[in-house]
Amino acid sequence: MSSDLPRTAVPLGITDPVERARAELKAALAAIEEKANVPKRAARATRRAQVSAREFADRNPSGAVVAAVGVAAAIGLVVWGAVRLYTR
Protein backbone atom coordinates (compact mmCIF):
# COMPACT_ATOMS: atom_id res chain seq x y z
CA MET A 1 0.00 0.00 0.00
CA SER A 2 1.25 3.47 -0.86
CA SER A 3 2.16 5.73 2.05
CA ASP A 4 0.81 8.88 0.32
CA LEU A 5 -2.67 7.38 0.02
CA PRO A 6 -5.16 8.83 2.54
CA ARG A 7 -6.50 6.48 5.19
CA THR A 8 -10.02 7.00 3.86
CA ALA A 9 -9.20 5.88 0.31
CA VAL A 10 -9.31 2.37 -1.14
CA PRO A 11 -6.17 1.46 -3.08
CA LEU A 12 -6.62 0.57 -6.74
CA GLY A 13 -5.64 -2.77 -8.18
CA ILE A 14 -6.98 -5.11 -5.50
CA THR A 15 -8.35 -8.10 -7.40
CA ASP A 16 -9.22 -10.42 -4.52
CA PRO A 17 -12.82 -9.68 -3.48
CA VAL A 18 -12.11 -10.45 0.20
CA GLU A 19 -9.09 -8.14 0.31
CA ARG A 20 -11.07 -5.45 -1.53
CA ALA A 21 -13.92 -5.73 0.98
CA ARG A 22 -11.45 -5.47 3.86
CA ALA A 23 -9.85 -2.40 2.30
CA GLU A 24 -13.26 -0.79 1.77
CA LEU A 25 -14.29 -1.54 5.36
CA LYS A 26 -11.02 -0.14 6.68
CA ALA A 27 -11.48 3.03 4.60
CA ALA A 28 -15.12 3.41 5.70
CA LEU A 29 -14.19 3.02 9.37
CA ALA A 30 -11.39 5.57 8.98
CA ALA A 31 -13.82 8.01 7.33
CA ILE A 32 -16.33 7.55 10.17
CA GLU A 33 -13.57 8.12 12.72
CA GLU A 34 -12.45 11.30 10.95
CA LYS A 35 -16.00 12.62 10.79
CA ALA A 36 -16.91 11.75 14.39
CA ASN A 37 -13.68 12.92 16.03
CA VAL A 38 -14.85 16.42 16.95
CA PRO A 39 -11.89 17.35 19.18
CA LYS A 40 -9.44 16.51 16.40
CA ARG A 41 -11.46 18.51 13.88
CA ALA A 42 -11.68 21.45 16.30
CA ALA A 43 -7.92 21.35 16.84
CA ARG A 44 -7.33 21.43 13.07
CA ALA A 45 -9.73 24.36 12.66
CA THR A 46 -8.03 26.21 15.52
CA ARG A 47 -4.61 25.67 13.93
CA ARG A 48 -5.90 26.96 10.58
CA ALA A 49 -7.38 30.04 12.28
CA GLN A 50 -4.11 30.70 14.12
CA VAL A 51 -2.10 30.50 10.90
CA SER A 52 -4.58 32.77 9.15
CA ALA A 53 -4.51 35.30 12.01
CA ARG A 54 -0.70 35.32 12.07
CA GLU A 55 -0.55 35.87 8.31
CA PHE A 56 -3.07 38.71 8.62
CA ALA A 57 -1.07 40.27 11.47
CA ASP A 58 2.13 40.04 9.41
CA ARG A 59 0.46 41.71 6.42
CA ASN A 60 -1.51 44.32 8.36
CA PRO A 61 -0.34 44.91 11.94
CA SER A 62 -2.62 47.90 12.61
CA GLY A 63 -5.61 45.97 11.27
CA ALA A 64 -4.75 43.10 13.58
CA VAL A 65 -4.73 45.45 16.57
CA VAL A 66 -8.10 46.88 15.56
CA ALA A 67 -9.49 43.37 15.09
CA ALA A 68 -8.18 42.26 18.50
CA VAL A 69 -9.75 45.27 20.20
CA GLY A 70 -13.01 44.63 18.38
CA VAL A 71 -13.07 40.97 19.40
CA ALA A 72 -12.28 41.86 23.00
CA ALA A 73 -15.07 44.46 23.02
CA ALA A 74 -17.55 42.00 21.53
CA ILE A 75 -16.67 39.35 24.11
CA GLY A 76 -16.95 41.93 26.88
CA LEU A 77 -20.40 42.99 25.66
CA VAL A 78 -21.59 39.37 25.49
CA VAL A 79 -20.35 38.66 29.03
CA TRP A 80 -21.84 41.91 30.33
CA GLY A 81 -25.19 41.11 28.68
CA ALA A 82 -25.22 37.57 30.05
CA VAL A 83 -24.45 38.75 33.58
CA ARG A 84 -27.08 41.47 33.32
CA LEU A 85 -29.72 38.98 32.17
CA TYR A 86 -28.74 36.56 34.92
CA THR A 87 -28.92 39.17 37.70
CA ARG A 88 -32.36 40.46 36.70
PDB file of N, CA and C in Angstrom:
ATOM      1  N   MET A   1       0.833  -1.169   0.000  1.00  0.00           N
ATOM      2  CA  MET A   1       0.000   0.000   0.000  1.00  0.00           C
ATOM      3  C   MET A   1       0.885   1.242   0.000  1.00  0.00           C
ATOM      4  N   SER A   2       0.471   2.259  -0.745  1.00  0.00           N
ATOM      5  CA  SER A   2       1.255   3.475  -0.857  1.00  0.00           C
ATOM      6  C   SER A   2       1.106   4.326   0.402  1.00  0.00           C
ATOM      7  N   SER A   3       2.202   4.940   0.821  1.00  0.00           N
ATOM      8  CA  SER A   3       2.163   5.731   2.045  1.00  0.00           C
ATOM      9  C   SER A   3       1.523   7.100   1.823  1.00  0.00           C
ATOM     10  N   ASP A   4       1.426   7.588   0.573  1.00  0.00           N
ATOM     11  CA  ASP A   4       0.811   8.883   0.319  1.00  0.00           C
ATOM     12  C   ASP A   4      -0.690   8.787   0.096  1.00  0.00           C
ATOM     13  N   LEU A   5      -1.243   7.600   0.175  1.00  0.00           N
ATOM     14  CA  LEU A   5      -2.673   7.379   0.021  1.00  0.00           C
ATOM     15  C   LEU A   5      -3.384   7.705   1.333  1.00  0.00           C
ATOM     16  N   PRO A   6      -4.442   8.519   1.300  1.00  0.00           N
ATOM     17  CA  PRO A   6      -5.158   8.828   2.537  1.00  0.00           C
ATOM     18  C   PRO A   6      -5.750   7.572   3.165  1.00  0.00           C
ATOM     19  N   ARG A   7      -5.940   7.640   4.492  1.00  0.00           N
ATOM     20  CA  ARG A   7      -6.501   6.479   5.191  1.00  0.00           C
ATOM     21  C   ARG A   7      -7.919   6.182   4.745  1.00  0.00           C
ATOM     22  N   THR A   8      -8.627   7.178   4.232  1.00  0.00           N
ATOM     23  CA  THR A   8     -10.021   7.003   3.863  1.00  0.00           C
ATOM     24  C   THR A   8     -10.209   6.586   2.409  1.00  0.00           C
ATOM     25  N   ALA A   9      -9.133   6.278   1.709  1.00  0.00           N
ATOM     26  CA  ALA A   9      -9.203   5.875   0.311  1.00  0.00           C
ATOM     27  C   ALA A   9      -8.921   4.382   0.175  1.00  0.00           C
ATOM     28  N   VAL A  10      -9.531   3.795  -0.840  1.00  0.00           N
ATOM     29  CA  VAL A  10      -9.312   2.373  -1.139  1.00  0.00           C
ATOM     30  C   VAL A  10      -8.278   2.301  -2.251  1.00  0.00           C
ATOM     31  N   PRO A  11      -7.189   1.558  -2.037  1.00  0.00           N
ATOM     32  CA  PRO A  11      -6.172   1.460  -3.084  1.00  0.00           C
ATOM     33  C   PRO A  11      -6.712   0.756  -4.328  1.00  0.00           C
ATOM     34  N   LEU A  12      -6.229   1.192  -5.476  1.00  0.00           N
ATOM     35  CA  LEU A  12      -6.623   0.572  -6.744  1.00  0.00           C
ATOM     36  C   LEU A  12      -5.824  -0.703  -6.979  1.00  0.00           C
ATOM     37  N   GLY A  13      -6.363  -1.580  -7.767  1.00  0.00           N
ATOM     38  CA  GLY A  13      -5.637  -2.770  -8.176  1.00  0.00           C
ATOM     39  C   GLY A  13      -5.822  -3.984  -7.287  1.00  0.00           C
ATOM     40  N   ILE A  14      -6.719  -3.943  -6.344  1.00  0.00           N
ATOM     41  CA  ILE A  14      -6.976  -5.112  -5.500  1.00  0.00           C
ATOM     42  C   ILE A  14      -7.954  -6.002  -6.258  1.00  0.00           C
ATOM     43  N   THR A  15      -7.503  -7.203  -6.603  1.00  0.00           N
ATOM     44  CA  THR A  15      -8.349  -8.102  -7.399  1.00  0.00           C
ATOM     45  C   THR A  15      -9.100  -9.110  -6.543  1.00  0.00           C
ATOM     46  N   ASP A  16      -8.556  -9.464  -5.394  1.00  0.00           N
ATOM     47  CA  ASP A  16      -9.219 -10.420  -4.517  1.00  0.00           C
ATOM     48  C   ASP A  16     -10.423  -9.749  -3.864  1.00  0.00           C
ATOM     49  N   PRO A  17     -11.631 -10.322  -4.033  1.00  0.00           N
ATOM     50  CA  PRO A  17     -12.823  -9.677  -3.479  1.00  0.00           C
ATOM     51  C   PRO A  17     -12.786  -9.549  -1.943  1.00  0.00           C
ATOM     52  N   VAL A  18     -12.190 -10.514  -1.262  1.00  0.00           N
ATOM     53  CA  VAL A  18     -12.111 -10.455   0.196  1.00  0.00           C
ATOM     54  C   VAL A  18     -11.179  -9.321   0.617  1.00  0.00           C
ATOM     55  N   GLU A  19     -10.033  -9.218  -0.017  1.00  0.00           N
ATOM     56  CA  GLU A  19      -9.093  -8.136   0.306  1.00  0.00           C
ATOM     57  C   GLU A  19      -9.693  -6.779  -0.031  1.00  0.00           C
ATOM     58  N   ARG A  20     -10.429  -6.714  -1.154  1.00  0.00           N
ATOM     59  CA  ARG A  20     -11.072  -5.447  -1.532  1.00  0.00           C
ATOM     60  C   ARG A  20     -12.116  -5.055  -0.491  1.00  0.00           C
ATOM     61  N   ALA A  21     -12.914  -6.019  -0.035  1.00  0.00           N
ATOM     62  CA  ALA A  21     -13.924  -5.732   0.984  1.00  0.00           C
ATOM     63  C   ALA A  21     -13.272  -5.266   2.279  1.00  0.00           C
ATOM     64  N   ARG A  22     -12.167  -5.898   2.657  1.00  0.00           N
ATOM     65  CA  ARG A  22     -11.445  -5.474   3.859  1.00  0.00           C
ATOM     66  C   ARG A  22     -10.918  -4.045   3.715  1.00  0.00           C
ATOM     67  N   ALA A  23     -10.377  -3.746   2.541  1.00  0.00           N
ATOM     68  CA  ALA A  23      -9.849  -2.401   2.297  1.00  0.00           C
ATOM     69  C   ALA A  23     -10.969  -1.365   2.330  1.00  0.00           C
ATOM     70  N   GLU A  24     -12.130  -1.712   1.754  1.00  0.00           N
ATOM     71  CA  GLU A  24     -13.263  -0.788   1.770  1.00  0.00           C
ATOM     72  C   GLU A  24     -13.781  -0.577   3.193  1.00  0.00           C
ATOM     73  N   LEU A  25     -13.842  -1.661   3.974  1.00  0.00           N
ATOM     74  CA  LEU A  25     -14.291  -1.541   5.359  1.00  0.00           C
ATOM     75  C   LEU A  25     -13.317  -0.681   6.171  1.00  0.00           C
ATOM     76  N   LYS A  26     -12.035  -0.922   5.968  1.00  0.00           N
ATOM     77  CA  LYS A  26     -11.019  -0.144   6.677  1.00  0.00           C
ATOM     78  C   LYS A  26     -11.135   1.340   6.320  1.00  0.00           C
ATOM     79  N   ALA A  27     -11.346   1.643   5.040  1.00  0.00           N
ATOM     80  CA  ALA A  27     -11.482   3.028   4.602  1.00  0.00           C
ATOM     81  C   ALA A  27     -12.762   3.650   5.153  1.00  0.00           C
ATOM     82  N   ALA A  28     -13.850   2.887   5.174  1.00  0.00           N
ATOM     83  CA  ALA A  28     -15.115   3.407   5.698  1.00  0.00           C
ATOM     84  C   ALA A  28     -15.001   3.702   7.197  1.00  0.00           C
ATOM     85  N   LEU A  29     -14.375   2.792   7.936  1.00  0.00           N
ATOM     86  CA  LEU A  29     -14.193   3.020   9.372  1.00  0.00           C
ATOM     87  C   LEU A  29     -13.299   4.233   9.634  1.00  0.00           C
ATOM     88  N   ALA A  30     -12.269   4.399   8.830  1.00  0.00           N
ATOM     89  CA  ALA A  30     -11.391   5.567   8.983  1.00  0.00           C
ATOM     90  C   ALA A  30     -12.154   6.852   8.685  1.00  0.00           C
ATOM     91  N   ALA A  31     -13.029   6.823   7.660  1.00  0.00           N
ATOM     92  CA  ALA A  31     -13.824   8.009   7.331  1.00  0.00           C
ATOM     93  C   ALA A  31     -14.797   8.347   8.452  1.00  0.00           C
ATOM     94  N   ILE A  32     -15.419   7.326   9.044  1.00  0.00           N
ATOM     95  CA  ILE A  32     -16.331   7.553  10.170  1.00  0.00           C
ATOM     96  C   ILE A  32     -15.569   8.138  11.352  1.00  0.00           C
ATOM     97  N   GLU A  33     -14.382   7.605  11.612  1.00  0.00           N
ATOM     98  CA  GLU A  33     -13.571   8.117  12.718  1.00  0.00           C
ATOM     99  C   GLU A  33     -13.193   9.575  12.495  1.00  0.00           C
ATOM    100  N   GLU A  34     -12.814   9.923  11.266  1.00  0.00           N
ATOM    101  CA  GLU A  34     -12.449  11.303  10.954  1.00  0.00           C
ATOM    102  C   GLU A  34     -13.646  12.233  11.145  1.00  0.00           C
ATOM    103  N   LYS A  35     -14.812  11.795  10.704  1.00  0.00           N
ATOM    104  CA  LYS A  35     -16.004  12.624  10.788  1.00  0.00           C
ATOM    105  C   LYS A  35     -16.488  12.782  12.225  1.00  0.00           C
ATOM    106  N   ALA A  36     -16.365  11.734  13.036  1.00  0.00           N
ATOM    107  CA  ALA A  36     -16.907  11.748  14.390  1.00  0.00           C
ATOM    108  C   ALA A  36     -15.928  12.305  15.424  1.00  0.00           C
ATOM    109  N   ASN A  37     -14.681  12.460  15.073  1.00  0.00           N
ATOM    110  CA  ASN A  37     -13.678  12.917  16.035  1.00  0.00           C
ATOM    111  C   ASN A  37     -13.691  14.448  16.099  1.00  0.00           C
ATOM    112  N   VAL A  38     -14.657  14.966  16.869  1.00  0.00           N
ATOM    113  CA  VAL A  38     -14.853  16.416  16.946  1.00  0.00           C
ATOM    114  C   VAL A  38     -13.649  17.138  17.559  1.00  0.00           C
ATOM    115  N   PRO A  39     -13.048  16.635  18.638  1.00  0.00           N
ATOM    116  CA  PRO A  39     -11.887  17.354  19.177  1.00  0.00           C
ATOM    117  C   PRO A  39     -10.740  17.489  18.172  1.00  0.00           C
ATOM    118  N   LYS A  40     -10.506  16.454  17.398  1.00  0.00           N
ATOM    119  CA  LYS A  40      -9.440  16.506  16.395  1.00  0.00           C
ATOM    120  C   LYS A  40      -9.779  17.532  15.306  1.00  0.00           C
ATOM    121  N   ARG A  41     -11.042  17.551  14.897  1.00  0.00           N
ATOM    122  CA  ARG A  41     -11.460  18.515  13.878  1.00  0.00           C
ATOM    123  C   ARG A  41     -11.385  19.937  14.419  1.00  0.00           C
ATOM    124  N   ALA A  42     -11.754  20.122  15.687  1.00  0.00           N
ATOM    125  CA  ALA A  42     -11.683  21.451  16.298  1.00  0.00           C
ATOM    126  C   ALA A  42     -10.228  21.914  16.402  1.00  0.00           C
ATOM    127  N   ALA A  43      -9.334  20.988  16.745  1.00  0.00           N
ATOM    128  CA  ALA A  43      -7.916  21.345  16.842  1.00  0.00           C
ATOM    129  C   ALA A  43      -7.376  21.765  15.474  1.00  0.00           C
ATOM    130  N   ARG A  44      -7.777  21.059  14.429  1.00  0.00           N
ATOM    131  CA  ARG A  44      -7.333  21.434  13.072  1.00  0.00           C
ATOM    132  C   ARG A  44      -7.865  22.811  12.692  1.00  0.00           C
ATOM    133  N   ALA A  45      -9.137  23.066  12.988  1.00  0.00           N
ATOM    134  CA  ALA A  45      -9.735  24.363  12.664  1.00  0.00           C
ATOM    135  C   ALA A  45      -9.051  25.483  13.447  1.00  0.00           C
ATOM    136  N   THR A  46      -8.719  25.219  14.700  1.00  0.00           N
ATOM    137  CA  THR A  46      -8.025  26.212  15.519  1.00  0.00           C
ATOM    138  C   THR A  46      -6.650  26.514  14.947  1.00  0.00           C
ATOM    139  N   ARG A  47      -5.940  25.453  14.544  1.00  0.00           N
ATOM    140  CA  ARG A  47      -4.612  25.669  13.934  1.00  0.00           C
ATOM    141  C   ARG A  47      -4.719  26.491  12.656  1.00  0.00           C
ATOM    142  N   ARG A  48      -5.723  26.190  11.816  1.00  0.00           N
ATOM    143  CA  ARG A  48      -5.905  26.959  10.576  1.00  0.00           C
ATOM    144  C   ARG A  48      -6.207  28.419  10.887  1.00  0.00           C
ATOM    145  N   ALA A  49      -7.044  28.664  11.903  1.00  0.00           N
ATOM    146  CA  ALA A  49      -7.377  30.039  12.281  1.00  0.00           C
ATOM    147  C   ALA A  49      -6.149  30.770  12.818  1.00  0.00           C
ATOM    148  N   GLN A  50      -5.324  30.072  13.594  1.00  0.00           N
ATOM    149  CA  GLN A  50      -4.107  30.697  14.121  1.00  0.00           C
ATOM    150  C   GLN A  50      -3.170  31.091  12.992  1.00  0.00           C
ATOM    151  N   VAL A  51      -2.984  30.200  12.039  1.00  0.00           N
ATOM    152  CA  VAL A  51      -2.099  30.496  10.900  1.00  0.00           C
ATOM    153  C   VAL A  51      -2.652  31.679  10.112  1.00  0.00           C
ATOM    154  N   SER A  52      -3.955  31.674   9.892  1.00  0.00           N
ATOM    155  CA  SER A  52      -4.578  32.772   9.153  1.00  0.00           C
ATOM    156  C   SER A  52      -4.431  34.092   9.900  1.00  0.00           C
ATOM    157  N   ALA A  53      -4.637  34.075  11.211  1.00  0.00           N
ATOM    158  CA  ALA A  53      -4.513  35.298  12.008  1.00  0.00           C
ATOM    159  C   ALA A  53      -3.073  35.808  12.003  1.00  0.00           C
ATOM    160  N   ARG A  54      -2.104  34.902  12.099  1.00  0.00           N
ATOM    161  CA  ARG A  54      -0.699  35.322  12.070  1.00  0.00           C
ATOM    162  C   ARG A  54      -0.332  35.931  10.720  1.00  0.00           C
ATOM    163  N   GLU A  55      -0.829  35.315   9.629  1.00  0.00           N
ATOM    164  CA  GLU A  55      -0.549  35.865   8.306  1.00  0.00           C
ATOM    165  C   GLU A  55      -1.168  37.253   8.159  1.00  0.00           C
ATOM    166  N   PHE A  56      -2.403  37.403   8.668  1.00  0.00           N
ATOM    167  CA  PHE A  56      -3.066  38.709   8.622  1.00  0.00           C
ATOM    168  C   PHE A  56      -2.285  39.740   9.431  1.00  0.00           C
ATOM    169  N   ALA A  57      -1.832  39.348  10.618  1.00  0.00           N
ATOM    170  CA  ALA A  57      -1.073  40.267  11.472  1.00  0.00           C
ATOM    171  C   ALA A  57       0.254  40.654  10.820  1.00  0.00           C
ATOM    172  N   ASP A  58       0.868  39.718  10.106  1.00  0.00           N
ATOM    173  CA  ASP A  58       2.126  40.039   9.414  1.00  0.00           C
ATOM    174  C   ASP A  58       1.886  41.009   8.262  1.00  0.00           C
ATOM    175  N   ARG A  59       0.768  40.840   7.551  1.00  0.00           N
ATOM    176  CA  ARG A  59       0.464  41.713   6.420  1.00  0.00           C
ATOM    177  C   ARG A  59      -0.043  43.078   6.868  1.00  0.00           C
ATOM    178  N   ASN A  60      -0.832  43.094   7.949  1.00  0.00           N
ATOM    179  CA  ASN A  60      -1.510  44.316   8.360  1.00  0.00           C
ATOM    180  C   ASN A  60      -1.517  44.423   9.889  1.00  0.00           C
ATOM    181  N   PRO A  61      -0.415  44.862  10.477  1.00  0.00           N
ATOM    182  CA  PRO A  61      -0.336  44.913  11.941  1.00  0.00           C
ATOM    183  C   PRO A  61      -1.387  45.819  12.589  1.00  0.00           C
ATOM    184  N   SER A  62      -1.631  46.994  12.010  1.00  0.00           N
ATOM    185  CA  SER A  62      -2.622  47.896  12.610  1.00  0.00           C
ATOM    186  C   SER A  62      -4.025  47.304  12.495  1.00  0.00           C
ATOM    187  N   GLY A  63      -4.314  46.636  11.414  1.00  0.00           N
ATOM    188  CA  GLY A  63      -5.611  45.974  11.265  1.00  0.00           C
ATOM    189  C   GLY A  63      -5.785  44.853  12.274  1.00  0.00           C
ATOM    190  N   ALA A  64      -4.691  44.169  12.594  1.00  0.00           N
ATOM    191  CA  ALA A  64      -4.747  43.101  13.583  1.00  0.00           C
ATOM    192  C   ALA A  64      -5.038  43.668  14.970  1.00  0.00           C
ATOM    193  N   VAL A  65      -4.459  44.820  15.277  1.00  0.00           N
ATOM    194  CA  VAL A  65      -4.727  45.452  16.570  1.00  0.00           C
ATOM    195  C   VAL A  65      -6.196  45.871  16.649  1.00  0.00           C
ATOM    196  N   VAL A  66      -6.695  46.468  15.592  1.00  0.00           N
ATOM    197  CA  VAL A  66      -8.102  46.881  15.561  1.00  0.00           C
ATOM    198  C   VAL A  66      -9.013  45.658  15.691  1.00  0.00           C
ATOM    199  N   ALA A  67      -8.687  44.586  15.008  1.00  0.00           N
ATOM    200  CA  ALA A  67      -9.488  43.369  15.092  1.00  0.00           C
ATOM    201  C   ALA A  67      -9.456  42.785  16.503  1.00  0.00           C
ATOM    202  N   ALA A  68      -8.296  42.782  17.132  1.00  0.00           N
ATOM    203  CA  ALA A  68      -8.181  42.257  18.497  1.00  0.00           C
ATOM    204  C   ALA A  68      -8.997  43.089  19.473  1.00  0.00           C
ATOM    205  N   VAL A  69      -8.952  44.401  19.331  1.00  0.00           N
ATOM    206  CA  VAL A  69      -9.748  45.270  20.203  1.00  0.00           C
ATOM    207  C   VAL A  69     -11.238  45.040  19.954  1.00  0.00           C
ATOM    208  N   GLY A  70     -11.608  44.882  18.713  1.00  0.00           N
ATOM    209  CA  GLY A  70     -13.011  44.628  18.384  1.00  0.00           C
ATOM    210  C   GLY A  70     -13.512  43.311  18.951  1.00  0.00           C
ATOM    211  N   VAL A  71     -12.699  42.272  18.848  1.00  0.00           N
ATOM    212  CA  VAL A  71     -13.073  40.973  19.401  1.00  0.00           C
ATOM    213  C   VAL A  71     -13.183  41.049  20.915  1.00  0.00           C
ATOM    214  N   ALA A  72     -12.234  41.718  21.548  1.00  0.00           N
ATOM    215  CA  ALA A  72     -12.278  41.862  23.005  1.00  0.00           C
ATOM    216  C   ALA A  72     -13.522  42.635  23.432  1.00  0.00           C
ATOM    217  N   ALA A  73     -13.876  43.675  22.697  1.00  0.00           N
ATOM    218  CA  ALA A  73     -15.072  44.456  23.024  1.00  0.00           C
ATOM    219  C   ALA A  73     -16.331  43.619  22.840  1.00  0.00           C
ATOM    220  N   ALA A  74     -16.376  42.849  21.783  1.00  0.00           N
ATOM    221  CA  ALA A  74     -17.546  41.996  21.534  1.00  0.00           C
ATOM    222  C   ALA A  74     -17.695  40.953  22.633  1.00  0.00           C
ATOM    223  N   ILE A  75     -16.611  40.340  23.032  1.00  0.00           N
ATOM    224  CA  ILE A  75     -16.667  39.352  24.112  1.00  0.00           C
ATOM    225  C   ILE A  75     -17.096  40.020  25.414  1.00  0.00           C
ATOM    226  N   GLY A  76     -16.560  41.189  25.681  1.00  0.00           N
ATOM    227  CA  GLY A  76     -16.955  41.927  26.876  1.00  0.00           C
ATOM    228  C   GLY A  76     -18.435  42.258  26.888  1.00  0.00           C
ATOM    229  N   LEU A  77     -18.974  42.689  25.748  1.00  0.00           N
ATOM    230  CA  LEU A  77     -20.402  42.987  25.659  1.00  0.00           C
ATOM    231  C   LEU A  77     -21.255  41.738  25.875  1.00  0.00           C
ATOM    232  N   VAL A  78     -20.841  40.619  25.316  1.00  0.00           N
ATOM    233  CA  VAL A  78     -21.594  39.372  25.493  1.00  0.00           C
ATOM    234  C   VAL A  78     -21.594  38.959  26.958  1.00  0.00           C
ATOM    235  N   VAL A  79     -20.430  39.030  27.611  1.00  0.00           N
ATOM    236  CA  VAL A  79     -20.347  38.659  29.029  1.00  0.00           C
ATOM    237  C   VAL A  79     -21.173  39.625  29.869  1.00  0.00           C
ATOM    238  N   TRP A  80     -21.067  40.913  29.593  1.00  0.00           N
ATOM    239  CA  TRP A  80     -21.837  41.908  30.332  1.00  0.00           C
ATOM    240  C   TRP A  80     -23.333  41.654  30.167  1.00  0.00           C
ATOM    241  N   GLY A  81     -23.767  41.376  28.937  1.00  0.00           N
ATOM    242  CA  GLY A  81     -25.190  41.107  28.685  1.00  0.00           C
ATOM    243  C   GLY A  81     -25.666  39.845  29.389  1.00  0.00           C
ATOM    244  N   ALA A  82     -24.843  38.803  29.373  1.00  0.00           N
ATOM    245  CA  ALA A  82     -25.218  37.566  30.047  1.00  0.00           C
ATOM    246  C   ALA A  82     -25.331  37.760  31.556  1.00  0.00           C
ATOM    247  N   VAL A  83     -24.401  38.482  32.145  1.00  0.00           N
ATOM    248  CA  VAL A  83     -24.455  38.754  33.581  1.00  0.00           C
ATOM    249  C   VAL A  83     -25.662  39.616  33.916  1.00  0.00           C
ATOM    250  N   ARG A  84     -25.931  40.588  33.085  1.00  0.00           N
ATOM    251  CA  ARG A  84     -27.084  41.469  33.322  1.00  0.00           C
ATOM    252  C   ARG A  84     -28.390  40.688  33.251  1.00  0.00           C
ATOM    253  N   LEU A  85     -28.514  39.801  32.269  1.00  0.00           N
ATOM    254  CA  LEU A  85     -29.719  38.976  32.166  1.00  0.00           C
ATOM    255  C   LEU A  85     -29.839  38.035  33.371  1.00  0.00           C
ATOM    256  N   TYR A  86     -28.728  37.508  33.796  1.00  0.00           N
ATOM    257  CA  TYR A  86     -28.742  36.560  34.920  1.00  0.00           C
ATOM    258  C   TYR A  86     -29.119  37.246  36.229  1.00  0.00           C
ATOM    259  N   THR A  87     -28.665  38.487  36.429  1.00  0.00           N
ATOM    260  CA  THR A  87     -28.917  39.166  37.696  1.00  0.00           C
ATOM    261  C   THR A  87     -30.300  39.803  37.758  1.00  0.00           C
ATOM    262  N   ARG A  88     -31.008  39.856  36.689  1.00  0.00           N
ATOM    263  CA  ARG A  88     -32.364  40.465  36.700  1.00  0.00           C
ATOM    264  C   ARG A  88     -33.381  39.477  37.127  1.00  0.00           C
TER     265      ARG A  88
END
